[in-house]
Amino acid sequence: MTVEESREREVLDRIERARRRRPRVREERITLAHGAGGKATHALIDAVFLEAFRNPALEALADGAAVRAGGTRLAFTTDSYVVSPLFFPGGDIGDLAVNGTVNDLAVCGARPLYLSAAFVVEEGFPVEDLRRIADSMGAAARAAGVEVVTGDTKVVQRGKGDGCYVTTAGIGVLERPAELSATQVRPGDAVLVSGPVGDHGVTIMLARGGLDIEANLVSDTAPLHGLAGALLDAAPGARVLRDATRGGVATVLNEIATTAEAGVVIDEAAVPVRPEVAGAGELLGIDPLYVACEGRLVAVVPGEQSAVALAALHAHPLGAGAAVIGEVRADPPGLVLARTAFGGTRIVDLLVGDPLPRIC
């Protein structure tokens, strides 16, 4: 057994031991790492929320839940937005909240219909900024073809709310027969991403200031339901779609590999990354694979449908930079591997720590 095979076997054994243990949170208090989308986030969800609310729809741990109302199949999702700063190149917390919820429904295979919006506003927050956020949400909703039909507003004391937080929930209708789930993933499937990764996360980092880096970057925030629908029409055998938000593409692929009990092997050179994102990541010591997107989806489709799926993405304005970045294999189960430019292979594990908090 080679050194690399021995190391992979050790990781596999560790994962299997972890699966047998009852999930628990090691920390006594919540840290920023619990909101970064990596290992700490997964441990918190498994040990606290999944244990408390366990049911079949929740156990899928997808971007949204597929539910039934009479004979109608629906998708339902909710999300909170605490991005800092509230306004950034290419968007703001308002359109981010609308697009993020639309996208969670889109990757369930649904046509988004209605949203709710709840605001937690800090005492002293400028009314003009709140109006700007609401106007942005309204414009994003109209562009996505959805309506904000209910909501709520709360005001907290000065210094207790960091400006404004937004929570949105959404409901959509599942009109296609496809059952999208990582459990459907099989060896031989192809892995695609719909465009350059990491734009949003790096844009937010640079917008916060304090970094002597100049880059002509804007957030990729956009509604993906049209793109997702085009892909599903072209590749009806699609296994699973995910939007690569917190934790980036690396986290999504790890979640898919773990659920499918399969290996995912990607080619680093095939992953589309803008030079500005790659450069900023190199300076900050952050792999773009872990950096959040807000207008990109990851798709796993049968290998024989990869060409038509890629063509469908390329034909849509939001998928012009799409690429096939890897494949699913039987081994190593539960692991994501990346073939490097130097001809080697590295393990792409779940994110550890909190290098990118408050990015959505």
Protein backbone atom coordinates (compact mmCIF):
# COMPACT_ATOMS: atom_id res chain seq x y z
CA MET A 1 0.00 0.00 0.00
CA THR A 2 1.40 3.40 -1.02
CA VAL A 3 1.69 6.31 1.39
CA GLU A 4 -1.17 8.09 -0.41
CA GLU A 5 -3.40 5.00 -0.23
CA SER A 6 -2.55 4.60 3.45
CA ARG A 7 -3.49 8.23 4.11
CA GLU A 8 -6.78 7.85 2.23
CA ARG A 9 -7.58 4.66 4.17
CA GLU A 10 -6.92 6.48 7.43
CA VAL A 11 -9.33 9.24 6.43
CA LEU A 12 -11.97 6.70 5.41
CA ASP A 13 -11.67 4.93 8.75
CA ARG A 14 -12.01 8.25 10.56
CA ILE A 15 -15.16 9.11 8.62
CA GLU A 16 -16.71 5.72 9.35
CA ARG A 17 -15.97 6.06 13.06
CA ALA A 18 -17.54 9.53 13.03
CA ARG A 19 -20.70 8.16 11.42
CA ARG A 20 -21.12 5.64 14.23
CA ARG A 21 -20.86 8.30 16.95
CA ARG A 22 -23.84 10.34 18.09
CA PRO A 23 -23.28 13.85 16.74
CA ARG A 24 -22.23 16.44 19.30
CA VAL A 25 -20.94 19.98 19.45
CA ARG A 26 -17.52 20.13 21.08
CA GLU A 27 -17.70 23.83 21.95
CA GLU A 28 -19.71 25.09 24.91
CA ARG A 29 -20.57 28.35 23.16
CA ILE A 30 -21.37 29.32 19.58
CA THR A 31 -18.45 30.67 17.53
CA LEU A 32 -18.29 32.31 14.12
CA ALA A 33 -17.09 28.97 12.74
CA HIS A 34 -20.58 27.56 13.40
CA GLY A 35 -21.89 29.90 10.71
CA ALA A 36 -19.16 29.40 8.10
CA GLY A 37 -20.72 26.37 6.40
CA GLY A 38 -17.94 23.89 7.25
CA LYS A 39 -17.38 21.17 9.82
CA ALA A 40 -18.57 23.23 12.78
CA THR A 41 -21.80 24.15 10.96
CA HIS A 42 -22.50 20.53 10.08
CA ALA A 43 -21.85 19.41 13.66
CA LEU A 44 -24.21 22.07 15.01
CA ILE A 45 -26.98 21.13 12.59
CA ASP A 46 -26.62 17.40 13.27
CA ALA A 47 -26.30 17.63 17.05
CA VAL A 48 -28.82 20.37 17.84
CA PHE A 49 -31.36 20.96 15.10
CA LEU A 50 -31.60 17.57 13.42
CA GLU A 51 -31.80 15.86 16.81
CA ALA A 52 -34.63 18.19 17.88
CA PHE A 53 -36.67 18.25 14.67
CA ARG A 54 -35.90 14.90 13.05
CA ASN A 55 -38.27 13.91 10.22
CA PRO A 56 -37.80 12.44 6.73
CA ALA A 57 -38.08 15.76 4.88
CA LEU A 58 -35.49 17.42 7.12
CA GLU A 59 -33.09 14.48 7.13
CA ALA A 60 -32.32 15.08 3.46
CA LEU A 61 -30.50 18.25 4.61
CA ALA A 62 -30.96 19.78 1.16
CA ASP A 63 -31.34 23.45 0.22
CA GLY A 64 -35.10 23.07 0.59
CA ALA A 65 -37.69 20.45 1.48
CA ALA A 66 -39.95 18.63 -0.97
CA VAL A 67 -43.43 18.39 0.56
CA ARG A 68 -46.97 17.58 -0.60
CA ALA A 69 -50.19 19.55 -0.22
CA GLY A 70 -52.97 17.30 -1.42
CA GLY A 71 -51.86 16.16 -4.85
CA THR A 72 -49.42 19.03 -5.42
CA ARG A 73 -45.68 18.64 -4.94
CA LEU A 74 -44.10 21.73 -3.43
CA ALA A 75 -40.65 22.90 -2.44
CA PHE A 76 -40.24 24.98 0.71
CA THR A 77 -37.18 26.79 2.04
CA THR A 78 -36.06 29.51 4.44
CA ASP A 79 -32.87 31.48 4.99
CA SER A 80 -31.50 34.40 7.02
CA TYR A 81 -29.12 37.05 5.70
CA VAL A 82 -26.59 38.86 7.88
CA VAL A 83 -24.06 39.92 5.24
CA SER A 84 -21.55 42.60 6.16
CA PRO A 85 -21.41 45.15 4.59
CA LEU A 86 -25.08 45.51 3.71
CA PHE A 87 -24.25 47.14 0.36
CA PHE A 88 -21.48 45.77 -1.87
CA PRO A 89 -20.40 45.83 -5.52
CA GLY A 90 -23.03 43.99 -7.58
CA GLY A 91 -25.75 43.86 -4.95
CA ASP A 92 -26.93 44.30 -1.37
CA ILE A 93 -28.61 42.33 1.39
CA GLY A 94 -31.99 42.86 -0.28
CA ASP A 95 -31.45 41.26 -3.67
CA LEU A 96 -29.19 38.69 -2.00
CA ALA A 97 -32.11 37.58 0.20
CA VAL A 98 -34.49 37.24 -2.73
CA ASN A 99 -32.04 35.52 -5.06
CA GLY A 100 -30.77 33.19 -2.35
CA THR A 101 -34.24 31.91 -1.54
CA VAL A 102 -35.22 31.66 -5.22
CA ASN A 103 -32.05 29.63 -5.80
CA ASP A 104 -32.75 27.24 -2.93
CA LEU A 105 -36.08 26.48 -4.59
CA ALA A 106 -34.50 26.28 -8.05
CA VAL A 107 -32.00 23.58 -7.07
CA CYS A 108 -34.89 21.56 -5.67
CA GLY A 109 -36.19 21.56 -9.25
CA ALA A 110 -39.04 23.92 -8.41
CA ARG A 111 -40.59 26.93 -10.08
CA PRO A 112 -40.49 29.63 -7.36
CA LEU A 113 -43.80 31.31 -6.61
CA TYR A 114 -44.03 33.25 -3.35
CA LEU A 115 -41.69 34.63 -0.69
CA SER A 116 -42.01 36.01 2.80
CA ALA A 117 -39.66 38.63 4.21
CA ALA A 118 -38.88 39.42 7.86
CA PHE A 119 -36.64 42.27 9.02
CA VAL A 120 -34.78 42.74 12.27
CA VAL A 121 -33.76 46.41 12.30
CA GLU A 122 -31.49 48.10 14.80
CA GLU A 123 -32.62 51.30 16.51
CA GLY A 124 -31.04 54.24 14.72
CA PHE A 125 -30.77 52.51 11.34
CA PRO A 126 -31.35 55.06 8.52
CA VAL A 127 -34.83 54.85 7.01
CA GLU A 128 -33.36 55.65 3.60
CA ASP A 129 -31.10 52.57 3.81
CA LEU A 130 -34.09 50.42 4.77
CA ARG A 131 -36.04 51.82 1.81
CA ARG A 132 -33.08 51.09 -0.45
CA ILE A 133 -33.01 47.47 0.76
CA ALA A 134 -36.77 47.06 0.29
CA ASP A 135 -36.64 48.58 -3.20
CA SER A 136 -33.81 46.22 -4.11
CA MET A 137 -35.83 43.24 -2.89
CA GLY A 138 -38.84 44.38 -4.89
CA ALA A 139 -36.81 44.73 -8.07
CA ALA A 140 -35.17 41.32 -7.55
CA ALA A 141 -38.55 39.68 -6.93
CA ARG A 142 -40.00 41.16 -10.11
CA ALA A 143 -36.97 40.06 -12.10
CA ALA A 144 -37.34 36.52 -10.75
CA GLY A 145 -41.09 36.40 -11.34
CA VAL A 146 -42.00 35.92 -7.67
CA GLU A 147 -44.01 37.95 -5.17
CA VAL A 148 -43.26 38.87 -1.57
CA VAL A 149 -46.68 38.20 -0.06
CA THR A 150 -46.15 38.38 3.71
CA GLY A 151 -43.60 39.48 6.25
CA ASP A 152 -42.71 40.90 9.65
CA THR A 153 -40.62 43.69 11.17
CA LYS A 154 -38.89 43.82 14.56
CA VAL A 155 -36.75 46.63 16.01
CA VAL A 156 -34.00 45.92 18.56
CA GLN A 157 -32.06 48.30 20.78
CA ARG A 158 -29.15 50.29 19.43
CA GLY A 159 -26.01 48.12 19.39
CA LYS A 160 -27.99 44.86 19.46
CA GLY A 161 -28.65 44.25 15.77
CA ASP A 162 -25.72 45.40 13.60
CA GLY A 163 -27.93 47.41 11.28
CA CYS A 164 -30.39 45.09 9.57
CA TYR A 165 -30.92 41.35 9.22
CA VAL A 166 -33.33 39.83 6.68
CA THR A 167 -35.03 36.43 6.77
CA THR A 168 -36.85 35.11 3.71
CA ALA A 169 -38.86 31.95 3.14
CA GLY A 170 -40.07 30.69 -0.20
CA ILE A 171 -42.43 28.21 -1.74
CA GLY A 172 -42.42 26.81 -5.27
CA VAL A 173 -44.12 24.10 -7.28
CA LEU A 174 -42.36 20.92 -8.44
CA GLU A 175 -43.61 20.42 -11.99
CA ARG A 176 -41.06 17.85 -13.18
CA PRO A 177 -41.15 14.18 -12.14
CA ALA A 178 -37.44 14.16 -11.26
CA GLU A 179 -36.50 13.38 -7.65
CA LEU A 180 -33.33 15.37 -7.12
CA SER A 181 -31.22 13.95 -4.31
CA ALA A 182 -27.61 13.11 -3.62
CA THR A 183 -28.79 9.57 -2.88
CA GLN A 184 -29.37 9.22 -6.64
CA VAL A 185 -25.70 9.89 -7.47
CA ARG A 186 -23.87 6.97 -9.10
CA PRO A 187 -20.29 6.20 -10.22
CA GLY A 188 -19.76 7.46 -13.76
CA ASP A 189 -21.81 10.62 -13.21
CA ALA A 190 -20.36 13.96 -14.27
CA VAL A 191 -19.96 17.00 -12.02
CA LEU A 192 -20.61 20.45 -13.51
CA VAL A 193 -20.45 24.00 -12.19
CA SER A 194 -22.38 26.77 -13.92
CA GLY A 195 -19.66 29.44 -13.90
CA PRO A 196 -16.63 30.97 -12.18
CA VAL A 197 -16.54 30.27 -8.45
CA GLY A 198 -15.79 32.50 -5.49
CA ASP A 199 -16.85 35.87 -6.93
CA HIS A 200 -19.30 36.70 -4.15
CA GLY A 201 -17.13 35.77 -1.19
CA VAL A 202 -14.07 37.64 -2.44
CA THR A 203 -16.20 40.69 -3.35
CA ILE A 204 -17.54 40.81 0.21
CA MET A 205 -14.06 40.47 1.71
CA LEU A 206 -12.73 43.32 -0.40
CA ALA A 207 -15.80 45.50 0.29
CA ARG A 208 -15.10 45.30 4.02
CA GLY A 209 -11.85 47.21 3.54
CA GLY A 210 -8.71 46.64 5.52
CA LEU A 211 -7.12 44.65 2.70
CA ASP A 212 -4.66 46.38 0.40
CA ILE A 213 -6.03 44.53 -2.63
CA GLU A 214 -7.64 46.11 -5.68
CA ALA A 215 -9.80 43.97 -7.94
CA ASN A 216 -12.54 44.70 -10.44
CA LEU A 217 -14.99 42.20 -8.94
CA VAL A 218 -18.73 42.20 -8.31
CA SER A 219 -20.96 39.69 -6.57
CA ASP A 220 -22.46 36.99 -8.77
CA THR A 221 -25.84 37.20 -7.00
CA ALA A 222 -28.55 36.19 -9.50
CA PRO A 223 -31.74 34.06 -9.68
CA LEU A 224 -30.95 30.59 -11.02
CA HIS A 225 -34.36 29.04 -11.64
CA GLY A 226 -34.26 29.71 -15.38
CA LEU A 227 -30.81 28.19 -15.65
CA ALA A 228 -31.78 25.19 -13.52
CA GLY A 229 -34.90 24.62 -15.59
CA ALA A 230 -32.94 24.68 -18.83
CA LEU A 231 -30.50 22.11 -17.47
CA LEU A 232 -33.27 19.82 -16.20
CA ASP A 233 -35.08 19.97 -19.55
CA ALA A 234 -31.89 19.08 -21.41
CA ALA A 235 -30.72 16.43 -18.93
CA PRO A 236 -33.85 14.90 -17.35
CA GLY A 237 -31.73 12.27 -15.63
CA ALA A 238 -29.98 14.89 -13.48
CA ARG A 239 -29.20 13.45 -10.05
CA VAL A 240 -28.85 16.52 -7.87
CA LEU A 241 -28.46 20.30 -8.07
CA ARG A 242 -26.99 22.48 -5.32
CA ASP A 243 -26.14 26.16 -5.03
CA ALA A 244 -22.63 26.73 -3.73
CA THR A 245 -23.12 29.34 -1.01
CA ARG A 246 -21.45 29.06 2.43
CA GLY A 247 -18.45 26.78 2.20
CA GLY A 248 -18.41 27.01 -1.59
CA VAL A 249 -18.12 24.21 -4.13
CA ALA A 250 -15.91 22.14 -1.83
CA THR A 251 -18.60 21.91 0.85
CA VAL A 252 -21.31 21.00 -1.66
CA LEU A 253 -19.18 18.21 -3.13
CA ASN A 254 -18.36 16.85 0.32
CA GLU A 255 -22.03 16.76 1.23
CA ILE A 256 -22.84 14.93 -2.01
CA ALA A 257 -19.98 12.44 -1.58
CA THR A 258 -20.97 11.67 2.00
CA THR A 259 -24.66 11.19 1.22
CA ALA A 260 -24.00 9.14 -1.94
CA GLU A 261 -21.23 7.13 -0.21
CA ALA A 262 -19.19 7.65 -3.35
CA GLY A 263 -16.00 9.43 -4.29
CA VAL A 264 -15.90 12.70 -6.19
CA VAL A 265 -12.77 13.46 -8.20
CA ILE A 266 -12.35 16.91 -9.71
CA ASP A 267 -9.70 18.42 -11.95
CA GLU A 268 -8.45 21.67 -10.38
CA ALA A 269 -7.53 23.06 -13.78
CA ALA A 270 -11.11 22.55 -15.00
CA VAL A 271 -12.70 24.62 -12.21
CA PRO A 272 -13.46 28.10 -13.59
CA VAL A 273 -11.93 30.79 -11.35
CA ARG A 274 -11.43 34.43 -12.27
CA PRO A 275 -7.80 35.59 -12.00
CA GLU A 276 -8.83 38.24 -9.46
CA VAL A 277 -10.41 35.59 -7.22
CA ALA A 278 -7.45 33.26 -7.58
CA GLY A 279 -5.04 36.11 -6.79
CA ALA A 280 -6.95 37.31 -3.74
CA GLY A 281 -7.28 33.74 -2.50
CA GLU A 282 -3.56 33.18 -2.86
CA LEU A 283 -2.74 36.35 -0.92
CA LEU A 284 -5.19 35.46 1.85
CA GLY A 285 -4.39 31.76 1.94
CA ILE A 286 -7.95 30.76 0.99
CA ASP A 287 -8.79 28.11 -1.61
CA PRO A 288 -11.43 29.47 -4.07
CA LEU A 289 -13.18 26.10 -3.85
CA TYR A 290 -14.29 27.10 -0.34
CA VAL A 291 -15.39 30.63 -1.24
CA ALA A 292 -19.12 31.33 -1.45
CA CYS A 293 -21.04 31.94 -4.67
CA GLU A 294 -24.53 33.42 -4.89
CA GLY A 295 -25.23 32.85 -8.58
CA ARG A 296 -23.64 29.47 -9.33
CA LEU A 297 -24.99 25.96 -9.12
CA VAL A 298 -23.31 22.56 -8.95
CA ALA A 299 -24.96 19.76 -10.90
CA VAL A 300 -24.39 16.01 -11.01
CA VAL A 301 -25.77 14.34 -14.13
CA PRO A 302 -25.34 10.92 -15.75
CA GLY A 303 -22.08 10.82 -17.70
CA GLU A 304 -23.87 10.29 -21.00
CA GLN A 305 -25.92 13.47 -20.44
CA SER A 306 -22.98 15.72 -19.52
CA ALA A 307 -22.57 17.14 -23.03
CA VAL A 308 -26.22 18.18 -23.41
CA ALA A 309 -26.28 19.51 -19.86
CA LEU A 310 -23.20 21.63 -20.52
CA ALA A 311 -24.64 22.91 -23.80
CA ALA A 312 -27.86 23.92 -22.01
CA LEU A 313 -25.87 25.85 -19.41
CA HIS A 314 -23.76 27.57 -22.07
CA ALA A 315 -26.92 28.64 -23.92
CA HIS A 316 -28.16 30.57 -20.88
CA PRO A 317 -26.66 33.98 -19.98
CA LEU A 318 -25.93 32.83 -16.42
CA GLY A 319 -24.19 29.66 -17.59
CA ALA A 320 -21.79 31.00 -20.20
CA GLY A 321 -18.78 30.06 -18.03
CA ALA A 322 -20.03 26.58 -17.13
CA ALA A 323 -17.65 23.62 -17.12
CA VAL A 324 -17.49 19.91 -16.40
CA ILE A 325 -15.09 19.79 -13.45
CA GLY A 326 -15.04 16.13 -12.43
CA GLU A 327 -16.70 12.78 -12.05
CA VAL A 328 -18.15 10.43 -9.48
CA ARG A 329 -16.35 7.19 -8.67
CA ALA A 330 -17.07 4.25 -6.42
CA ASP A 331 -13.89 4.91 -4.44
CA PRO A 332 -12.92 6.51 -2.15
CA PRO A 333 -16.46 6.61 -0.66
CA GLY A 334 -17.32 9.84 1.12
CA LEU A 335 -14.24 11.70 -0.06
CA VAL A 336 -13.58 14.52 -2.53
CA LEU A 337 -10.24 14.44 -4.31
CA ALA A 338 -8.68 17.06 -6.57
CA ARG A 339 -6.16 16.36 -9.29
CA THR A 340 -3.60 19.14 -9.07
CA ALA A 341 -1.69 20.93 -11.81
CA PHE A 342 1.45 19.12 -10.64
CA GLY A 343 -0.02 15.69 -11.40
CA GLY A 344 -0.76 14.78 -7.79
CA THR A 345 -3.98 14.35 -5.87
CA ARG A 346 -5.14 16.08 -2.71
CA ILE A 347 -8.08 15.59 -0.39
CA VAL A 348 -10.64 18.42 -0.46
CA ASP A 349 -12.08 18.18 3.03
CA LEU A 350 -14.84 20.17 4.69
CA LEU A 351 -13.94 23.71 5.69
CA VAL A 352 -12.43 24.07 9.16
CA GLY A 353 -12.65 27.39 11.03
CA ASP A 354 -14.24 30.67 10.00
CA PRO A 355 -12.21 32.42 7.26
CA LEU A 356 -15.34 33.87 5.65
CA PRO A 357 -18.05 34.71 8.21
CA ARG A 358 -20.99 37.01 7.43
CA ILE A 359 -20.80 36.60 3.66
CA CYS A 360 -24.54 36.02 3.13
